[in-house]
Amino acid sequence: MQFGIRELIFLLLLLSLPVAAYLFVFEPRTEQIRDAQREINSKRQKLQDLESATSQFSDLDEEIVKLSGAIEMFEEKLPARREEQVILQQVWELAARNSLLPKSIRPDKPVPTAQYAELPIKLAITGNFDGFYRFMLDLEKLSRITRLPKLKLVQLPKTHGDVAVLMTLSIFFESQDDNASQGLGGSRRRARL
């Protein structure tokens, strides 16, 4: 048998076949298997984390009921938009009850948020500091969710303990217009009442 160029080329092709199969078939497939194994390990870890998190709660349904009750409690503290005048009256009466002289109480433009809206109320009050302190305690006891983003307290000259207060009191209410309160949006509120 003669060994010529044709046989040499055939032998080289025959030897290159396993190398090409390794580079173009086996190596990419091995990389895919490694990626799949990493993904499986990642999902197993997430599953173990979920199991450890849920094992803290003996009864998940009971926990959901508790959290739903807490949400309802906070929603009950949210007045409807139409109750704005009632809240302004309450603030005015609290100021008068604590011997403060309300100079002005003006609602500002409502600030819409996701489900609820915030109504800033600008107050200008003068009176004794002790009365103002009692007023702040009474505001805290209101059955509404409120916050106090701005407060400027100045002692009045030539007085003993009298202060002038400029403050912004924000109240929260359900963010729905009058049309929505008569439609589907208001049915949820009326059902709770």
C-alpha atoms as a PDB file:
ATOM      1  CA  MET A   1       0.000   0.000   0.000  1.00  0.00           C
ATOM      2  CA  GLN A   2       1.299   3.347  -0.999  1.00  0.00           C
ATOM      3  CA  PHE A   3       1.007   6.279   1.312  1.00  0.00           C
ATOM      4  CA  GLY A   4       0.375   9.374  -0.823  1.00  0.00           C
ATOM      5  CA  ILE A   5      -1.204  12.792  -0.561  1.00  0.00           C
ATOM      6  CA  ARG A   6      -4.721  11.435  -0.854  1.00  0.00           C
ATOM      7  CA  GLU A   7      -4.254   9.084   2.037  1.00  0.00           C
ATOM      8  CA  LEU A   8      -2.561  11.834   4.096  1.00  0.00           C
ATOM      9  CA  ILE A   9      -5.499  14.195   3.537  1.00  0.00           C
ATOM     10  CA  PHE A  10      -7.936  11.406   4.401  1.00  0.00           C
ATOM     11  CA  LEU A  11      -5.987  10.642   7.588  1.00  0.00           C
ATOM     12  CA  LEU A  12      -5.937  14.343   8.591  1.00  0.00           C
ATOM     13  CA  LEU A  13      -9.688  14.610   7.970  1.00  0.00           C
ATOM     14  CA  LEU A  14     -10.252  11.482   9.967  1.00  0.00           C
ATOM     15  CA  LEU A  15      -8.226  12.845  12.897  1.00  0.00           C
ATOM     16  CA  SER A  16      -9.842  16.300  12.734  1.00  0.00           C
ATOM     17  CA  LEU A  17     -13.344  14.862  13.039  1.00  0.00           C
ATOM     18  CA  PRO A  18     -13.116  14.103  16.795  1.00  0.00           C
ATOM     19  CA  VAL A  19     -11.436  17.484  17.450  1.00  0.00           C
ATOM     20  CA  ALA A  20     -14.199  19.307  15.560  1.00  0.00           C
ATOM     21  CA  ALA A  21     -16.881  17.280  17.362  1.00  0.00           C
ATOM     22  CA  TYR A  22     -15.357  18.225  20.707  1.00  0.00           C
ATOM     23  CA  LEU A  23     -15.094  21.949  19.840  1.00  0.00           C
ATOM     24  CA  PHE A  24     -18.442  22.359  18.106  1.00  0.00           C
ATOM     25  CA  VAL A  25     -20.697  19.795  19.821  1.00  0.00           C
ATOM     26  CA  PHE A  26     -19.440  18.539  23.157  1.00  0.00           C
ATOM     27  CA  GLU A  27     -17.945  21.772  24.594  1.00  0.00           C
ATOM     28  CA  PRO A  28     -21.067  23.964  23.920  1.00  0.00           C
ATOM     29  CA  ARG A  29     -23.295  21.205  25.276  1.00  0.00           C
ATOM     30  CA  THR A  30     -21.138  20.938  28.402  1.00  0.00           C
ATOM     31  CA  GLU A  31     -21.447  24.717  28.897  1.00  0.00           C
ATOM     32  CA  GLN A  32     -25.242  24.467  28.541  1.00  0.00           C
ATOM     33  CA  ILE A  33     -25.298  21.710  31.160  1.00  0.00           C
ATOM     34  CA  ARG A  34     -23.204  23.890  33.530  1.00  0.00           C
ATOM     35  CA  ASP A  35     -25.588  26.855  33.026  1.00  0.00           C
ATOM     36  CA  ALA A  36     -28.592  24.617  33.685  1.00  0.00           C
ATOM     37  CA  GLN A  37     -26.919  23.258  36.830  1.00  0.00           C
ATOM     38  CA  ARG A  38     -26.205  26.819  38.079  1.00  0.00           C
ATOM     39  CA  GLU A  39     -29.838  27.782  37.441  1.00  0.00           C
ATOM     40  CA  ILE A  40     -31.078  24.684  39.267  1.00  0.00           C
ATOM     41  CA  ASN A  41     -28.825  25.478  42.240  1.00  0.00           C
ATOM     42  CA  SER A  42     -30.041  29.083  42.279  1.00  0.00           C
ATOM     43  CA  LYS A  43     -33.682  27.981  42.250  1.00  0.00           C
ATOM     44  CA  ARG A  44     -33.026  25.432  44.968  1.00  0.00           C
ATOM     45  CA  GLN A  45     -31.501  28.178  47.113  1.00  0.00           C
ATOM     46  CA  LYS A  46     -34.530  30.421  46.527  1.00  0.00           C
ATOM     47  CA  LEU A  47     -36.824  27.546  47.423  1.00  0.00           C
ATOM     48  CA  GLN A  48     -34.895  26.913  50.647  1.00  0.00           C
ATOM     49  CA  ASP A  49     -35.071  30.635  51.481  1.00  0.00           C
ATOM     50  CA  LEU A  50     -38.825  30.588  50.864  1.00  0.00           C
ATOM     51  CA  GLU A  51     -39.267  27.501  53.034  1.00  0.00           C
ATOM     52  CA  SER A  52     -37.276  29.065  55.868  1.00  0.00           C
ATOM     53  CA  ALA A  53     -39.274  32.304  55.587  1.00  0.00           C
ATOM     54  CA  THR A  54     -42.638  30.524  55.599  1.00  0.00           C
ATOM     55  CA  SER A  55     -41.616  28.223  58.426  1.00  0.00           C
ATOM     56  CA  GLN A  56     -41.582  31.261  60.736  1.00  0.00           C
ATOM     57  CA  PHE A  57     -45.352  31.507  60.397  1.00  0.00           C
ATOM     58  CA  SER A  58     -47.166  28.521  61.763  1.00  0.00           C
ATOM     59  CA  ASP A  59     -50.339  29.372  59.864  1.00  0.00           C
ATOM     60  CA  LEU A  60     -49.904  31.577  56.813  1.00  0.00           C
ATOM     61  CA  ASP A  61     -53.660  32.054  56.352  1.00  0.00           C
ATOM     62  CA  GLU A  62     -53.960  33.332  59.918  1.00  0.00           C
ATOM     63  CA  GLU A  63     -51.108  35.787  59.283  1.00  0.00           C
ATOM     64  CA  ILE A  64     -52.823  37.061  56.124  1.00  0.00           C
ATOM     65  CA  VAL A  65     -56.044  37.632  58.075  1.00  0.00           C
ATOM     66  CA  LYS A  66     -54.123  39.608  60.727  1.00  0.00           C
ATOM     67  CA  LEU A  67     -52.454  41.787  58.105  1.00  0.00           C
ATOM     68  CA  SER A  68     -55.766  42.346  56.314  1.00  0.00           C
ATOM     69  CA  GLY A  69     -57.246  43.511  59.608  1.00  0.00           C
ATOM     70  CA  ALA A  70     -54.388  45.967  60.062  1.00  0.00           C
ATOM     71  CA  ILE A  71     -54.940  47.341  56.552  1.00  0.00           C
ATOM     72  CA  GLU A  72     -58.655  47.778  57.240  1.00  0.00           C
ATOM     73  CA  MET A  73     -57.876  49.616  60.478  1.00  0.00           C
ATOM     74  CA  PHE A  74     -55.658  52.103  58.628  1.00  0.00           C
ATOM     75  CA  GLU A  75     -58.191  52.535  55.837  1.00  0.00           C
ATOM     76  CA  GLU A  76     -60.892  53.330  58.404  1.00  0.00           C
ATOM     77  CA  LYS A  77     -58.706  56.178  59.633  1.00  0.00           C
ATOM     78  CA  LEU A  78     -58.729  57.646  56.136  1.00  0.00           C
ATOM     79  CA  PRO A  79     -61.616  60.040  55.693  1.00  0.00           C
ATOM     80  CA  ALA A  80     -63.386  60.481  52.399  1.00  0.00           C
ATOM     81  CA  ARG A  81     -62.602  63.685  50.511  1.00  0.00           C
ATOM     82  CA  ARG A  82     -66.010  65.095  51.426  1.00  0.00           C
ATOM     83  CA  GLU A  83     -65.127  64.940  55.154  1.00  0.00           C
ATOM     84  CA  GLU A  84     -62.481  67.655  54.749  1.00  0.00           C
ATOM     85  CA  GLN A  85     -64.634  70.345  56.390  1.00  0.00           C
ATOM     86  CA  VAL A  86     -65.286  68.079  59.372  1.00  0.00           C
ATOM     87  CA  ILE A  87     -61.562  67.667  59.929  1.00  0.00           C
ATOM     88  CA  LEU A  88     -60.943  71.406  59.585  1.00  0.00           C
ATOM     89  CA  GLN A  89     -63.674  72.004  62.168  1.00  0.00           C
ATOM     90  CA  GLN A  90     -62.073  69.463  64.531  1.00  0.00           C
ATOM     91  CA  VAL A  91     -58.689  71.184  64.261  1.00  0.00           C
ATOM     92  CA  TRP A  92     -60.307  74.589  64.872  1.00  0.00           C
ATOM     93  CA  GLU A  93     -62.140  73.268  67.939  1.00  0.00           C
ATOM     94  CA  LEU A  94     -58.967  71.643  69.313  1.00  0.00           C
ATOM     95  CA  ALA A  95     -57.157  74.958  69.018  1.00  0.00           C
ATOM     96  CA  ALA A  96     -59.984  76.817  70.768  1.00  0.00           C
ATOM     97  CA  ARG A  97     -60.257  74.152  73.500  1.00  0.00           C
ATOM     98  CA  ASN A  98     -56.554  74.628  74.303  1.00  0.00           C
ATOM     99  CA  SER A  99     -56.872  78.429  74.564  1.00  0.00           C
ATOM    100  CA  LEU A 100     -55.192  79.089  71.244  1.00  0.00           C
ATOM    101  CA  LEU A 101     -56.245  81.750  68.797  1.00  0.00           C
ATOM    102  CA  PRO A 102     -56.371  80.313  65.282  1.00  0.00           C
ATOM    103  CA  LYS A 103     -55.450  83.141  62.916  1.00  0.00           C
ATOM    104  CA  SER A 104     -56.051  81.067  59.789  1.00  0.00           C
ATOM    105  CA  ILE A 105     -56.641  77.498  58.724  1.00  0.00           C
ATOM    106  CA  ARG A 106     -56.383  77.027  54.971  1.00  0.00           C
ATOM    107  CA  PRO A 107     -56.387  73.755  53.077  1.00  0.00           C
ATOM    108  CA  ASP A 108     -53.829  73.623  50.284  1.00  0.00           C
ATOM    109  CA  LYS A 109     -54.041  71.640  47.053  1.00  0.00           C
ATOM    110  CA  PRO A 110     -54.305  67.877  47.602  1.00  0.00           C
ATOM    111  CA  VAL A 111     -51.202  65.859  46.765  1.00  0.00           C
ATOM    112  CA  PRO A 112     -52.212  62.637  45.001  1.00  0.00           C
ATOM    113  CA  THR A 113     -50.333  59.445  45.771  1.00  0.00           C
ATOM    114  CA  ALA A 114     -50.921  55.874  44.618  1.00  0.00           C
ATOM    115  CA  GLN A 115     -54.171  54.924  46.394  1.00  0.00           C
ATOM    116  CA  TYR A 116     -54.534  57.827  48.785  1.00  0.00           C
ATOM    117  CA  ALA A 117     -54.242  61.585  48.638  1.00  0.00           C
ATOM    118  CA  GLU A 118     -52.653  63.942  51.114  1.00  0.00           C
ATOM    119  CA  LEU A 119     -54.263  67.271  51.973  1.00  0.00           C
ATOM    120  CA  PRO A 120     -51.870  69.828  53.480  1.00  0.00           C
ATOM    121  CA  ILE A 121     -53.563  72.300  55.834  1.00  0.00           C
ATOM    122  CA  LYS A 122     -51.672  75.501  56.649  1.00  0.00           C
ATOM    123  CA  LEU A 123     -52.314  76.767  60.175  1.00  0.00           C
ATOM    124  CA  ALA A 124     -51.368  80.029  61.837  1.00  0.00           C
ATOM    125  CA  ILE A 125     -51.992  79.912  65.598  1.00  0.00           C
ATOM    126  CA  THR A 126     -51.035  82.106  68.548  1.00  0.00           C
ATOM    127  CA  GLY A 127     -51.344  81.432  72.237  1.00  0.00           C
ATOM    128  CA  ASN A 128     -49.619  80.070  75.291  1.00  0.00           C
ATOM    129  CA  PHE A 129     -46.956  77.403  74.705  1.00  0.00           C
ATOM    130  CA  ASP A 130     -48.583  75.036  77.213  1.00  0.00           C
ATOM    131  CA  GLY A 131     -51.859  75.288  75.262  1.00  0.00           C
ATOM    132  CA  PHE A 132     -49.977  74.620  72.043  1.00  0.00           C
ATOM    133  CA  TYR A 133     -48.379  71.552  73.618  1.00  0.00           C
ATOM    134  CA  ARG A 134     -51.805  70.229  74.687  1.00  0.00           C
ATOM    135  CA  PHE A 135     -53.088  71.017  71.179  1.00  0.00           C
ATOM    136  CA  MET A 136     -50.313  68.880  69.661  1.00  0.00           C
ATOM    137  CA  LEU A 137     -51.153  66.021  72.050  1.00  0.00           C
ATOM    138  CA  ASP A 138     -54.837  66.262  71.075  1.00  0.00           C
ATOM    139  CA  LEU A 139     -53.910  66.260  67.375  1.00  0.00           C
ATOM    140  CA  GLU A 140     -51.983  63.068  67.965  1.00  0.00           C
ATOM    141  CA  LYS A 141     -55.080  61.467  69.506  1.00  0.00           C
ATOM    142  CA  LEU A 142     -57.284  62.214  66.483  1.00  0.00           C
ATOM    143  CA  SER A 143     -58.663  59.112  64.822  1.00  0.00           C
ATOM    144  CA  ARG A 144     -57.187  60.244  61.501  1.00  0.00           C
ATOM    145  CA  ILE A 145     -53.796  59.553  60.003  1.00  0.00           C
ATOM    146  CA  THR A 146     -51.924  62.852  60.086  1.00  0.00           C
ATOM    147  CA  ARG A 147     -48.382  64.087  59.783  1.00  0.00           C
ATOM    148  CA  LEU A 148     -46.685  67.399  60.497  1.00  0.00           C
ATOM    149  CA  PRO A 149     -44.163  68.142  57.723  1.00  0.00           C
ATOM    150  CA  LYS A 150     -43.544  71.817  58.628  1.00  0.00           C
ATOM    151  CA  LEU A 151     -43.556  73.650  61.930  1.00  0.00           C
ATOM    152  CA  LYS A 152     -42.251  77.118  62.781  1.00  0.00           C
ATOM    153  CA  LEU A 153     -42.539  78.160  66.415  1.00  0.00           C
ATOM    154  CA  VAL A 154     -41.667  81.740  67.443  1.00  0.00           C
ATOM    155  CA  GLN A 155     -41.882  83.259  70.902  1.00  0.00           C
ATOM    156  CA  LEU A 156     -43.862  86.479  70.821  1.00  0.00           C
ATOM    157  CA  PRO A 157     -41.960  89.529  72.092  1.00  0.00           C
ATOM    158  CA  LYS A 158     -42.950  91.124  75.391  1.00  0.00           C
ATOM    159  CA  THR A 159     -45.004  88.125  76.468  1.00  0.00           C
ATOM    160  CA  HIS A 160     -44.428  85.371  78.937  1.00  0.00           C
ATOM    161  CA  GLY A 161     -44.820  81.986  77.253  1.00  0.00           C
ATOM    162  CA  ASP A 162     -46.903  83.096  74.256  1.00  0.00           C
ATOM    163  CA  VAL A 163     -45.923  81.746  70.859  1.00  0.00           C
ATOM    164  CA  ALA A 164     -46.847  82.201  67.222  1.00  0.00           C
ATOM    165  CA  VAL A 165     -46.981  78.982  65.254  1.00  0.00           C
ATOM    166  CA  LEU A 166     -46.952  78.487  61.501  1.00  0.00           C
ATOM    167  CA  MET A 167     -47.421  74.847  60.639  1.00  0.00           C
ATOM    168  CA  THR A 168     -48.562  72.514  57.908  1.00  0.00           C
ATOM    169  CA  LEU A 169     -50.695  69.607  59.021  1.00  0.00           C
ATOM    170  CA  SER A 170     -51.221  66.898  56.415  1.00  0.00           C
ATOM    171  CA  ILE A 171     -54.212  64.611  56.532  1.00  0.00           C
ATOM    172  CA  PHE A 172     -54.740  61.600  54.316  1.00  0.00           C
ATOM    173  CA  PHE A 173     -57.953  60.611  52.589  1.00  0.00           C
ATOM    174  CA  GLU A 174     -59.117  58.146  49.983  1.00  0.00           C
ATOM    175  CA  SER A 175     -58.059  59.336  46.560  1.00  0.00           C
ATOM    176  CA  GLN A 176     -61.272  59.206  44.584  1.00  0.00           C
ATOM    177  CA  ASP A 177     -63.285  61.956  42.971  1.00  0.00           C
ATOM    178  CA  ASP A 178     -67.021  62.392  43.461  1.00  0.00           C
ATOM    179  CA  ASN A 179     -67.859  60.391  40.316  1.00  0.00           C
ATOM    180  CA  ALA A 180     -65.789  57.450  41.447  1.00  0.00           C
ATOM    181  CA  SER A 181     -67.302  57.535  44.936  1.00  0.00           C
ATOM    182  CA  GLN A 182     -70.732  57.004  43.420  1.00  0.00           C
ATOM    183  CA  GLY A 183     -69.482  54.228  41.149  1.00  0.00           C
ATOM    184  CA  LEU A 184     -67.393  51.168  41.947  1.00  0.00           C
ATOM    185  CA  GLY A 185     -64.780  53.049  43.983  1.00  0.00           C
ATOM    186  CA  GLY A 186     -67.318  54.242  46.550  1.00  0.00           C
ATOM    187  CA  SER A 187     -68.937  50.860  47.023  1.00  0.00           C
ATOM    188  CA  ARG A 188     -65.920  49.585  48.949  1.00  0.00           C
ATOM    189  CA  ARG A 189     -66.096  52.556  51.336  1.00  0.00           C
ATOM    190  CA  ARG A 190     -69.862  52.266  51.828  1.00  0.00           C
ATOM    191  CA  ALA A 191     -69.603  48.528  52.434  1.00  0.00           C
ATOM    192  CA  ARG A 192     -67.277  49.130  55.384  1.00  0.00           C
ATOM    193  CA  LEU A 193     -69.487  51.783  56.988  1.00  0.00           C
END
